Amino acid sequence: RQAPGREREFVAAISWTTGNTYYADSVKGRFTISRDNA
């Protein structure tokens, strides 16, 4: 995400190979990343 006047920053990611998910501290517990490969 990129807010006005700020640099783009990481929010969340999900690995295709392991299914592991990663979150920025600022969104942990509030945001959930997921995928539907089909």
All heavy atoms as atom14 arrays in JSON, in Angstrom:
{
  "sequence": "RQAPGREREFVAAISWTTGNTYYADSVKGRFTISRDNA",
  "atom14_mask": [
    [1, 1, 1, 1, 1, 1, 1, 1, 1, 1, 1, 0, 0, 0],
    [1, 1, 1, 1, 1, 1, 1, 1, 1, 0, 0, 0, 0, 0],
    [1, 1, 1, 1, 1, 0, 0, 0, 0, 0, 0, 0, 0, 0],
    [1, 1, 1, 1, 1, 1, 1, 0, 0, 0, 0, 0, 0, 0],
    [1, 1, 1, 1, 0, 0, 0, 0, 0, 0, 0, 0, 0, 0],
    [1, 1, 1, 1, 1, 1, 1, 1, 1, 1, 1, 0, 0, 0],
    [1, 1, 1, 1, 1, 1, 1, 1, 1, 0, 0, 0, 0, 0],
    [1, 1, 1, 1, 1, 1, 1, 1, 1, 1, 1, 0, 0, 0],
    [1, 1, 1, 1, 1, 1, 1, 1, 1, 0, 0, 0, 0, 0],
    [1, 1, 1, 1, 1, 1, 1, 1, 1, 1, 1, 0, 0, 0],
    [1, 1, 1, 1, 1, 1, 1, 0, 0, 0, 0, 0, 0, 0],
    [1, 1, 1, 1, 1, 0, 0, 0, 0, 0, 0, 0, 0, 0],
    [1, 1, 1, 1, 1, 0, 0, 0, 0, 0, 0, 0, 0, 0],
    [1, 1, 1, 1, 1, 1, 1, 1, 0, 0, 0, 0, 0, 0],
    [1, 1, 1, 1, 1, 1, 0, 0, 0, 0, 0, 0, 0, 0],
    [1, 1, 1, 1, 1, 1, 1, 1, 1, 1, 1, 1, 1, 1],
    [1, 1, 1, 1, 1, 1, 1, 0, 0, 0, 0, 0, 0, 0],
    [1, 1, 1, 1, 1, 1, 1, 0, 0, 0, 0, 0, 0, 0],
    [1, 1, 1, 1, 0, 0, 0, 0, 0, 0, 0, 0, 0, 0],
    [1, 1, 1, 1, 1, 1, 1, 1, 0, 0, 0, 0, 0, 0],
    [1, 1, 1, 1, 1, 1, 1, 0, 0, 0, 0, 0, 0, 0],
    [1, 1, 1, 1, 1, 1, 1, 1, 1, 1, 1, 1, 0, 0],
    [1, 1, 1, 1, 1, 1, 1, 1, 1, 1, 1, 1, 0, 0],
    [1, 1, 1, 1, 1, 0, 0, 0, 0, 0, 0, 0, 0, 0],
    [1, 1, 1, 1, 1, 1, 1, 1, 0, 0, 0, 0, 0, 0],
    [1, 1, 1, 1, 1, 1, 0, 0, 0, 0, 0, 0, 0, 0],
    [1, 1, 1, 1, 1, 1, 1, 0, 0, 0, 0, 0, 0, 0],
    [1, 1, 1, 1, 1, 1, 1, 1, 1, 0, 0, 0, 0, 0],
    [1, 1, 1, 1, 0, 0, 0, 0, 0, 0, 0, 0, 0, 0],
    [1, 1, 1, 1, 1, 1, 1, 1, 1, 1, 1, 0, 0, 0],
    [1, 1, 1, 1, 1, 1, 1, 1, 1, 1, 1, 0, 0, 0],
    [1, 1, 1, 1, 1, 1, 1, 0, 0, 0, 0, 0, 0, 0],
    [1, 1, 1, 1, 1, 1, 1, 1, 0, 0, 0, 0, 0, 0],
    [1, 1, 1, 1, 1, 1, 0, 0, 0, 0, 0, 0, 0, 0],
    [1, 1, 1, 1, 1, 1, 1, 1, 1, 1, 1, 0, 0, 0],
    [1, 1, 1, 1, 1, 1, 1, 1, 0, 0, 0, 0, 0, 0],
    [1, 1, 1, 1, 1, 1, 1, 1, 0, 0, 0, 0, 0, 0],
    [1, 1, 1, 1, 1, 0, 0, 0, 0, 0, 0, 0, 0, 0]
  ],
  "atom14_positions": [
    [[0.84, -1.2, 0.0], [0.0, 0.0, 0.0], [0.87, 1.25, 0.0], [2.01, 1.23, 0.47], [-0.93, 0.01, 1.2], [-0.25, 0.17, 2.56], [-1.26, 0.04, 3.68], [-0.66, 0.23, 5.0], [-1.3, 0.04, 6.15], [-2.58, -0.34, 6.15], [-0.68, 0.25, 7.29], [0.0, 0.0, 0.0], [0.0, 0.0, 0.0], [0.0, 0.0, 0.0]],
    [[0.28, 2.31, -0.53], [0.99, 3.59, -0.56], [0.03, 4.69, -0.18], [-0.98, 4.93, -0.87], [1.58, 3.86, -1.94], [2.45, 5.1, -1.98], [3.26, 5.2, -3.25], [2.94, 4.6, -4.26], [4.34, 5.97, -3.2], [0.0, 0.0, 0.0], [0.0, 0.0, 0.0], [0.0, 0.0, 0.0], [0.0, 0.0, 0.0], [0.0, 0.0, 0.0]],
    [[0.33, 5.35, 0.92], [-0.46, 6.49, 1.39], [0.11, 7.76, 0.79], [1.29, 7.81, 0.4], [-0.43, 6.55, 2.91], [0.0, 0.0, 0.0], [0.0, 0.0, 0.0], [0.0, 0.0, 0.0], [0.0, 0.0, 0.0], [0.0, 0.0, 0.0], [0.0, 0.0, 0.0], [0.0, 0.0, 0.0], [0.0, 0.0, 0.0], [0.0, 0.0, 0.0]],
    [[-0.7, 8.82, 0.7], [-0.21, 10.08, 0.14], [1.04, 10.57, 0.85], [1.09, 10.63, 2.07], [-1.39, 11.03, 0.35], [-2.58, 10.15, 0.41], [-2.13, 8.89, 1.08], [0.0, 0.0, 0.0], [0.0, 0.0, 0.0], [0.0, 0.0, 0.0], [0.0, 0.0, 0.0], [0.0, 0.0, 0.0], [0.0, 0.0, 0.0], [0.0, 0.0, 0.0]],
    [[2.08, 10.91, 0.06], [3.3, 11.45, 0.63], [4.21, 10.43, 1.27], [5.22, 10.8, 1.87], [0.0, 0.0, 0.0], [0.0, 0.0, 0.0], [0.0, 0.0, 0.0], [0.0, 0.0, 0.0], [0.0, 0.0, 0.0], [0.0, 0.0, 0.0], [0.0, 0.0, 0.0], [0.0, 0.0, 0.0], [0.0, 0.0, 0.0], [0.0, 0.0, 0.0]],
    [[3.86, 9.15, 1.15], [4.67, 8.11, 1.76], [5.1, 7.09, 0.72], [4.54, 6.99, -0.37], [3.88, 7.42, 2.88], [3.41, 8.37, 3.96], [2.84, 7.63, 5.12], [3.84, 6.82, 5.81], [3.62, 6.16, 6.93], [2.42, 6.21, 7.5], [4.56, 5.44, 7.5], [0.0, 0.0, 0.0], [0.0, 0.0, 0.0], [0.0, 0.0, 0.0]],
    [[6.12, 6.33, 1.06], [6.6, 5.29, 0.17], [5.68, 4.07, 0.24], [4.99, 3.85, 1.24], [8.02, 4.87, 0.54], [9.05, 5.97, 0.32], [10.47, 5.49, 0.52], [10.64, 4.34, 0.98], [11.4, 6.25, 0.23], [0.0, 0.0, 0.0], [0.0, 0.0, 0.0], [0.0, 0.0, 0.0], [0.0, 0.0, 0.0], [0.0, 0.0, 0.0]],
    [[5.69, 3.29, -0.82], [4.92, 2.05, -0.83], [5.48, 1.11, 0.23], [6.7, 0.99, 0.38], [5.01, 1.4, -2.2], [4.11, 0.19, -2.39], [4.2, -0.34, -3.81], [3.58, 0.56, -4.76], [3.45, 0.28, -6.06], [3.93, -0.85, -6.53], [2.88, 1.14, -6.87], [0.0, 0.0, 0.0], [0.0, 0.0, 0.0], [0.0, 0.0, 0.0]],
    [[4.58, 0.45, 0.96], [5.02, -0.42, 2.04], [4.34, -1.78, 1.97], [3.23, -1.91, 1.47], [4.73, 0.22, 3.41], [3.26, 0.41, 3.71], [3.02, 0.96, 5.11], [3.99, 1.27, 5.83], [1.85, 1.07, 5.49], [0.0, 0.0, 0.0], [0.0, 0.0, 0.0], [0.0, 0.0, 0.0], [0.0, 0.0, 0.0], [0.0, 0.0, 0.0]],
    [[5.03, -2.75, 2.5], [4.51, -4.12, 2.55], [3.34, -4.22, 3.5], [3.34, -3.6, 4.57], [5.62, -5.05, 3.02], [5.16, -6.43, 3.37], [4.82, -7.34, 2.38], [5.03, -6.81, 4.7], [4.38, -8.61, 2.72], [4.58, -8.07, 5.04], [4.26, -8.98, 4.05], [0.0, 0.0, 0.0], [0.0, 0.0, 0.0], [0.0, 0.0, 0.0]],
    [[2.32, -5.03, 3.09], [1.15, -5.27, 3.93], [1.05, -6.74, 4.31], [0.99, -7.1, 5.47], [-0.14, -4.82, 3.24], [-1.36, -5.16, 4.1], [-0.11, -3.33, 2.93], [0.0, 0.0, 0.0], [0.0, 0.0, 0.0], [0.0, 0.0, 0.0], [0.0, 0.0, 0.0], [0.0, 0.0, 0.0], [0.0, 0.0, 0.0], [0.0, 0.0, 0.0]],
    [[1.02, -7.61, 3.3], [0.84, -9.03, 3.55], [1.31, -9.83, 2.34], [1.35, -9.31, 1.22], [-0.62, -9.36, 3.84], [0.0, 0.0, 0.0], [0.0, 0.0, 0.0], [0.0, 0.0, 0.0], [0.0, 0.0, 0.0], [0.0, 0.0, 0.0], [0.0, 0.0, 0.0], [0.0, 0.0, 0.0], [0.0, 0.0, 0.0], [0.0, 0.0, 0.0]],
    [[1.66, -11.09, 2.57], [2.08, -11.96, 1.48], [1.73, -13.4, 1.82], [1.62, -13.77, 2.99], [3.57, -11.83, 1.22], [0.0, 0.0, 0.0], [0.0, 0.0, 0.0], [0.0, 0.0, 0.0], [0.0, 0.0, 0.0], [0.0, 0.0, 0.0], [0.0, 0.0, 0.0], [0.0, 0.0, 0.0], [0.0, 0.0, 0.0], [0.0, 0.0, 0.0]],
    [[1.56, -14.2, 0.76], [1.29, -15.62, 0.94], [2.13, -16.39, -0.07], [2.18, -16.05, -1.25], [-0.22, -15.93, 0.78], [-0.49, -17.42, 1.05], [-0.76, -15.5, -0.58], [-1.98, -17.72, 1.22], [0.0, 0.0, 0.0], [0.0, 0.0, 0.0], [0.0, 0.0, 0.0], [0.0, 0.0, 0.0], [0.0, 0.0, 0.0], [0.0, 0.0, 0.0]],
    [[2.78, -17.42, 0.42], [3.64, -18.24, -0.44], [2.81, -19.26, -1.21], [1.95, -19.93, -0.64], [4.69, -18.95, 0.41], [5.37, -19.93, -0.35], [0.0, 0.0, 0.0], [0.0, 0.0, 0.0], [0.0, 0.0, 0.0], [0.0, 0.0, 0.0], [0.0, 0.0, 0.0], [0.0, 0.0, 0.0], [0.0, 0.0, 0.0], [0.0, 0.0, 0.0]],
    [[3.13, -19.41, -2.49], [2.48, -20.44, -3.3], [2.97, -21.82, -2.92], [2.21, -22.78, -2.91], [2.78, -20.15, -4.77], [2.48, -21.3, -5.69], [1.3, -21.98, -5.81], [3.38, -21.9, -6.63], [1.42, -22.96, -6.76], [2.67, -22.94, -7.28], [4.7, -21.65, -6.98], [3.27, -23.73, -8.26], [5.28, -22.44, -7.97], [4.57, -23.47, -8.58]],
    [[4.25, -21.96, -2.57], [4.85, -23.27, -2.35], [4.63, -23.81, -0.94], [4.44, -25.01, -0.76], [6.35, -23.21, -2.63], [6.92, -22.1, -1.93], [6.61, -23.03, -4.12], [0.0, 0.0, 0.0], [0.0, 0.0, 0.0], [0.0, 0.0, 0.0], [0.0, 0.0, 0.0], [0.0, 0.0, 0.0], [0.0, 0.0, 0.0], [0.0, 0.0, 0.0]],
    [[4.63, -22.93, 0.07], [4.51, -23.39, 1.45], [3.16, -23.05, 2.09], [2.78, -23.66, 3.09], [5.6, -22.78, 2.33], [5.4, -21.38, 2.41], [6.99, -23.08, 1.76], [0.0, 0.0, 0.0], [0.0, 0.0, 0.0], [0.0, 0.0, 0.0], [0.0, 0.0, 0.0], [0.0, 0.0, 0.0], [0.0, 0.0, 0.0], [0.0, 0.0, 0.0]],
    [[2.47, -22.05, 1.53], [1.23, -21.58, 2.15], [1.47, -20.65, 3.31], [0.51, -20.16, 3.92], [0.0, 0.0, 0.0], [0.0, 0.0, 0.0], [0.0, 0.0, 0.0], [0.0, 0.0, 0.0], [0.0, 0.0, 0.0], [0.0, 0.0, 0.0], [0.0, 0.0, 0.0], [0.0, 0.0, 0.0], [0.0, 0.0, 0.0], [0.0, 0.0, 0.0]],
    [[2.73, -20.38, 3.63], [3.04, -19.47, 4.74], [2.53, -18.07, 4.42], [2.53, -17.63, 3.28], [4.53, -19.42, 4.98], [5.07, -20.7, 5.59], [4.31, -21.51, 6.09], [6.37, -20.87, 5.54], [0.0, 0.0, 0.0], [0.0, 0.0, 0.0], [0.0, 0.0, 0.0], [0.0, 0.0, 0.0], [0.0, 0.0, 0.0], [0.0, 0.0, 0.0]],
    [[2.07, -17.4, 5.47], [1.61, -16.02, 5.34], [2.47, -15.1, 6.2], [2.99, -15.51, 7.24], [0.14, -15.88, 5.75], [-0.03, -16.35, 7.09], [-0.76, -16.68, 4.82], [0.0, 0.0, 0.0], [0.0, 0.0, 0.0], [0.0, 0.0, 0.0], [0.0, 0.0, 0.0], [0.0, 0.0, 0.0], [0.0, 0.0, 0.0], [0.0, 0.0, 0.0]],
    [[2.58, -13.87, 5.74], [3.39, -12.87, 6.43], [2.62, -11.56, 6.47], [1.92, -11.22, 5.51], [4.73, -12.68, 5.7], [5.48, -13.96, 5.47], [5.39, -14.62, 4.25], [6.25, -14.53, 6.47], [6.06, -15.81, 4.03], [6.93, -15.72, 6.27], [6.83, -16.36, 5.05], [7.49, -17.54, 4.85], [0.0, 0.0, 0.0], [0.0, 0.0, 0.0]],
    [[2.75, -10.83, 7.56], [2.03, -9.58, 7.73], [2.93, -8.49, 8.29], [3.83, -8.75, 9.09], [0.84, -9.77, 8.68], [-0.2, -10.74, 8.19], [-0.16, -12.08, 8.53], [-1.22, -10.31, 7.35], [-1.1, -12.98, 8.07], [-2.17, -11.19, 6.88], [-2.1, -12.53, 7.24], [-3.05, -13.4, 6.76], [0.0, 0.0, 0.0], [0.0, 0.0, 0.0]],
    [[2.64, -7.26, 7.9], [3.25, -6.12, 8.56], [2.69, -6.03, 9.98], [1.53, -6.37, 10.22], [2.93, -4.85, 7.78], [0.0, 0.0, 0.0], [0.0, 0.0, 0.0], [0.0, 0.0, 0.0], [0.0, 0.0, 0.0], [0.0, 0.0, 0.0], [0.0, 0.0, 0.0], [0.0, 0.0, 0.0], [0.0, 0.0, 0.0], [0.0, 0.0, 0.0]],
    [[3.5, -5.58, 10.9], [3.05, -5.47, 12.29], [1.8, -4.6, 12.42], [0.95, -4.85, 13.27], [4.18, -4.9, 13.16], [5.31, -5.89, 13.36], [5.1, -7.11, 13.13], [6.41, -5.45, 13.74], [0.0, 0.0, 0.0], [0.0, 0.0, 0.0], [0.0, 0.0, 0.0], [0.0, 0.0, 0.0], [0.0, 0.0, 0.0], [0.0, 0.0, 0.0]],
    [[1.7, -3.6, 11.57], [0.6, -2.64, 11.67], [-0.76, -3.25, 11.31], [-1.8, -2.67, 11.66], [0.87, -1.43, 10.77], [1.02, -1.84, 9.43], [0.0, 0.0, 0.0], [0.0, 0.0, 0.0], [0.0, 0.0, 0.0], [0.0, 0.0, 0.0], [0.0, 0.0, 0.0], [0.0, 0.0, 0.0], [0.0, 0.0, 0.0], [0.0, 0.0, 0.0]],
    [[-0.76, -4.4, 10.63], [-2.04, -5.0, 10.22], [-2.26, -6.37, 10.82], [-3.33, -6.96, 10.66], [-2.14, -5.09, 8.68], [-1.88, -3.74, 8.04], [-1.19, -6.15, 8.12], [0.0, 0.0, 0.0], [0.0, 0.0, 0.0], [0.0, 0.0, 0.0], [0.0, 0.0, 0.0], [0.0, 0.0, 0.0], [0.0, 0.0, 0.0], [0.0, 0.0, 0.0]],
    [[-1.27, -6.88, 11.53], [-1.37, -8.23, 12.09], [-2.56, -8.32, 13.03], [-2.78, -7.44, 13.87], [-0.07, -8.56, 12.82], [0.2, -10.03, 13.01], [1.61, -10.26, 13.54], [2.66, -9.82, 12.56], [4.04, -10.11, 13.04], [0.0, 0.0, 0.0], [0.0, 0.0, 0.0], [0.0, 0.0, 0.0], [0.0, 0.0, 0.0], [0.0, 0.0, 0.0]],
    [[-3.35, -9.38, 12.86], [-4.53, -9.56, 13.69], [-5.77, -8.89, 13.14], [-6.88, -9.16, 13.6], [0.0, 0.0, 0.0], [0.0, 0.0, 0.0], [0.0, 0.0, 0.0], [0.0, 0.0, 0.0], [0.0, 0.0, 0.0], [0.0, 0.0, 0.0], [0.0, 0.0, 0.0], [0.0, 0.0, 0.0], [0.0, 0.0, 0.0], [0.0, 0.0, 0.0]],
    [[-5.61, -8.02, 12.14], [-6.76, -7.33, 11.54], [-6.96, -7.73, 10.08], [-8.09, -7.79, 9.6], [-6.56, -5.82, 11.62], [-6.42, -5.29, 13.02], [-6.42, -3.76, 13.05], [-5.29, -3.18, 12.31], [-5.4, -2.35, 11.28], [-6.6, -1.98, 10.85], [-4.32, -1.86, 10.69], [0.0, 0.0, 0.0], [0.0, 0.0, 0.0], [0.0, 0.0, 0.0]],
    [[-5.88, -7.99, 9.37], [-5.93, -8.33, 7.95], [-5.61, -9.82, 7.77], [-4.81, -10.38, 8.52], [-4.91, -7.53, 7.14], [-5.21, -6.05, 7.01], [-6.19, -5.43, 7.77], [-4.5, -5.28, 6.11], [-6.45, -4.08, 7.65], [-4.74, -3.93, 5.97], [-5.72, -3.33, 6.74], [0.0, 0.0, 0.0], [0.0, 0.0, 0.0], [0.0, 0.0, 0.0]],
    [[-6.24, -10.42, 6.75], [-5.97, -11.81, 6.42], [-5.78, -11.95, 4.92], [-6.65, -11.54, 4.14], [-7.12, -12.72, 6.86], [-7.33, -12.57, 8.28], [-6.79, -14.18, 6.56], [0.0, 0.0, 0.0], [0.0, 0.0, 0.0], [0.0, 0.0, 0.0], [0.0, 0.0, 0.0], [0.0, 0.0, 0.0], [0.0, 0.0, 0.0], [0.0, 0.0, 0.0]],
    [[-4.65, -12.52, 4.52], [-4.4, -12.78, 3.11], [-4.76, -14.23, 2.8], [-4.53, -15.12, 3.63], [-2.93, -12.47, 2.74], [-2.74, -12.55, 1.23], [-1.97, -13.4, 3.47], [-1.38, -12.04, 0.74], [0.0, 0.0, 0.0], [0.0, 0.0, 0.0], [0.0, 0.0, 0.0], [0.0, 0.0, 0.0], [0.0, 0.0, 0.0], [0.0, 0.0, 0.0]],
    [[-5.32, -14.44, 1.64], [-5.67, -15.81, 1.24], [-5.63, -15.9, -0.28], [-5.42, -14.9, -0.97], [-7.06, -16.2, 1.76], [-8.06, -15.35, 1.22], [0.0, 0.0, 0.0], [0.0, 0.0, 0.0], [0.0, 0.0, 0.0], [0.0, 0.0, 0.0], [0.0, 0.0, 0.0], [0.0, 0.0, 0.0], [0.0, 0.0, 0.0], [0.0, 0.0, 0.0]],
    [[-5.84, -17.11, -0.79], [-5.82, -17.31, -2.23], [-6.76, -18.44, -2.59], [-7.02, -19.33, -1.78], [-4.4, -17.63, -2.7], [-3.84, -18.93, -2.12], [-2.35, -19.05, -2.39], [-2.1, -18.99, -3.81], [-0.97, -18.5, -4.34], [-0.02, -18.05, -3.56], [-0.81, -18.49, -5.64], [0.0, 0.0, 0.0], [0.0, 0.0, 0.0], [0.0, 0.0, 0.0]],
    [[-7.27, -18.38, -3.8], [-8.08, -19.45, -4.36], [-7.47, -19.79, -5.71], [-7.74, -19.11, -6.7], [-9.54, -19.02, -4.49], [-10.44, -20.15, -4.94], [-9.96, -21.08, -5.6], [-11.65, -20.08, -4.64], [0.0, 0.0, 0.0], [0.0, 0.0, 0.0], [0.0, 0.0, 0.0], [0.0, 0.0, 0.0], [0.0, 0.0, 0.0], [0.0, 0.0, 0.0]],
    [[-6.66, -20.83, -5.74], [-5.95, -21.15, -6.97], [-6.91, -21.56, -8.09], [-6.64, -21.3, -9.27], [-4.93, -22.26, -6.72], [-3.76, -21.77, -5.88], [-3.5, -20.55, -5.82], [-3.08, -22.68, -5.23], [0.0, 0.0, 0.0], [0.0, 0.0, 0.0], [0.0, 0.0, 0.0], [0.0, 0.0, 0.0], [0.0, 0.0, 0.0], [0.0, 0.0, 0.0]],
    [[-8.0, -22.18, -7.75], [-8.96, -22.6, -8.77], [-9.57, -21.39, -9.48], [-9.93, -21.47, -10.65], [-10.06, -23.45, -8.14], [0.0, 0.0, 0.0], [0.0, 0.0, 0.0], [0.0, 0.0, 0.0], [0.0, 0.0, 0.0], [0.0, 0.0, 0.0], [0.0, 0.0, 0.0], [0.0, 0.0, 0.0], [0.0, 0.0, 0.0], [0.0, 0.0, 0.0]]
  ]
}
